Protein backbone atom coordinates (compact mmCIF):
# COMPACT_ATOMS: atom_id res chain seq x y z
CA MET A 1 110.26 3.02 -13.17
CA LYS A 2 108.69 6.32 -12.22
CA ASP A 3 105.84 7.67 -14.33
CA LEU A 4 107.21 10.68 -16.22
CA LYS A 5 103.94 12.56 -15.61
CA ASP A 6 104.09 11.95 -11.84
CA ASN A 7 105.33 15.17 -10.23
CA LYS A 8 104.33 14.32 -6.67
CA THR A 9 106.31 11.16 -5.90
CA ILE A 10 109.98 11.70 -5.11
CA ASP A 11 112.56 9.75 -7.05
CA ALA A 12 114.40 7.52 -4.58
CA PHE A 13 117.40 7.21 -6.90
CA GLU A 14 117.78 10.87 -7.79
CA LYS A 15 120.95 12.41 -6.41
CA LYS A 16 120.39 15.49 -4.28
CA ALA A 17 122.49 18.56 -4.99
CA MET A 18 125.45 18.94 -2.65
CA THR A 19 125.87 22.00 -0.49
CA ASN A 20 129.00 24.14 -0.86
CA ALA A 21 130.33 22.69 2.40
CA GLU A 22 129.76 19.13 1.17
CA ARG A 23 131.51 19.86 -2.14
CA GLN A 24 134.48 21.45 -0.34
CA LYS A 25 134.78 18.52 2.08
CA ALA A 26 134.68 16.03 -0.82
CA TYR A 27 137.39 18.02 -2.60
CA ARG A 28 139.63 18.07 0.48
CA ASP A 29 139.06 14.37 1.17
CA ASN A 30 139.90 13.38 -2.42
CA SER A 31 142.84 15.69 -2.92
CA ASP A 32 146.47 14.64 -2.57
CA THR A 33 147.53 18.24 -2.08
CA ARG A 34 148.11 20.46 0.91
CA ARG A 35 147.37 24.15 1.16
CA LEU A 36 150.34 26.49 1.65
CA ASP A 37 149.76 30.16 2.40
CA MET A 38 152.76 32.45 2.66
CA ARG A 39 154.12 35.85 1.76
CA ILE A 40 157.17 36.27 -0.45
CA SER A 41 159.15 39.30 -1.51
CA THR A 42 157.97 41.34 -4.48
CA GLU A 43 161.15 40.43 -6.34
CA SER A 44 160.54 36.69 -5.81
CA SER A 45 156.93 37.10 -6.89
CA ILE A 46 158.01 38.80 -10.12
CA GLN A 47 160.60 36.09 -10.75
CA LEU A 48 158.01 33.37 -10.16
CA SER A 49 155.55 35.03 -12.51
CA SER A 50 158.26 35.40 -15.16
CA LEU A 51 159.24 31.74 -14.90
CA ALA A 52 155.61 30.64 -15.09
CA HIS A 53 155.02 32.80 -18.15
CA TYR A 54 158.26 31.73 -19.85
CA PHE A 55 157.62 28.01 -19.39
CA ASP A 56 153.84 28.37 -19.90
CA GLU A 57 153.14 26.68 -16.57
CA SER A 58 151.32 27.66 -13.41
CA LYS A 59 153.14 29.15 -10.44
CA VAL A 60 152.31 25.99 -8.49
CA GLU A 61 153.96 23.82 -11.16
CA ILE A 62 157.08 26.02 -11.11
CA ILE A 63 157.36 25.88 -7.30
CA GLN A 64 156.84 22.09 -7.28
CA LYS A 65 159.53 21.56 -9.92
CA LEU A 66 162.00 23.81 -8.08
CA LEU A 67 161.34 21.95 -4.81
CA ASP A 68 161.66 18.55 -6.47
CA LYS A 69 165.01 19.54 -8.02
CA ALA A 70 166.36 21.00 -4.77
CA TYR A 71 165.30 17.87 -2.86
CA ARG A 72 166.88 15.51 -5.42
CA ASP A 73 170.08 17.59 -5.41
CA LEU A 74 170.21 17.38 -1.61
CA LEU A 75 169.69 13.61 -1.59
CA ASP A 76 172.41 13.19 -4.22
CA SER A 77 174.94 15.40 -2.42
CA ALA A 78 177.97 13.74 -0.85
CA ASP A 79 177.45 15.36 2.56
CA PHE A 80 173.72 14.55 2.88
CA ASP A 81 172.76 13.48 6.42
CA MET A 82 169.36 11.79 6.65
CA GLU A 83 169.30 11.84 10.46
CA ARG A 84 169.90 15.59 10.48
CA MET A 85 167.05 16.12 8.01
CA LEU A 86 164.59 13.89 9.88
CA HIS A 87 165.51 15.50 13.20
CA LYS A 88 164.51 18.94 11.85
CA ILE A 89 161.05 17.85 10.64
């Protein structure tokens, strides 16, 4: 154990502070999300904000729920064609 009065010897077990780049890399490596940057119409932006406010959720949560529902509806539709969908990806 290190002497508490010793201010000259480095502590071998002390964690060094991470740089901003190191923190950002750790965040990206541990995240199960992907970044999506896009522009939408003003009307759509207002609608998204209204939905987020109404349901007391973030815009990201609203978009994810809308996408999940649209995807499930597509998979459940009678004329769904998996090959067509995979070919377009």
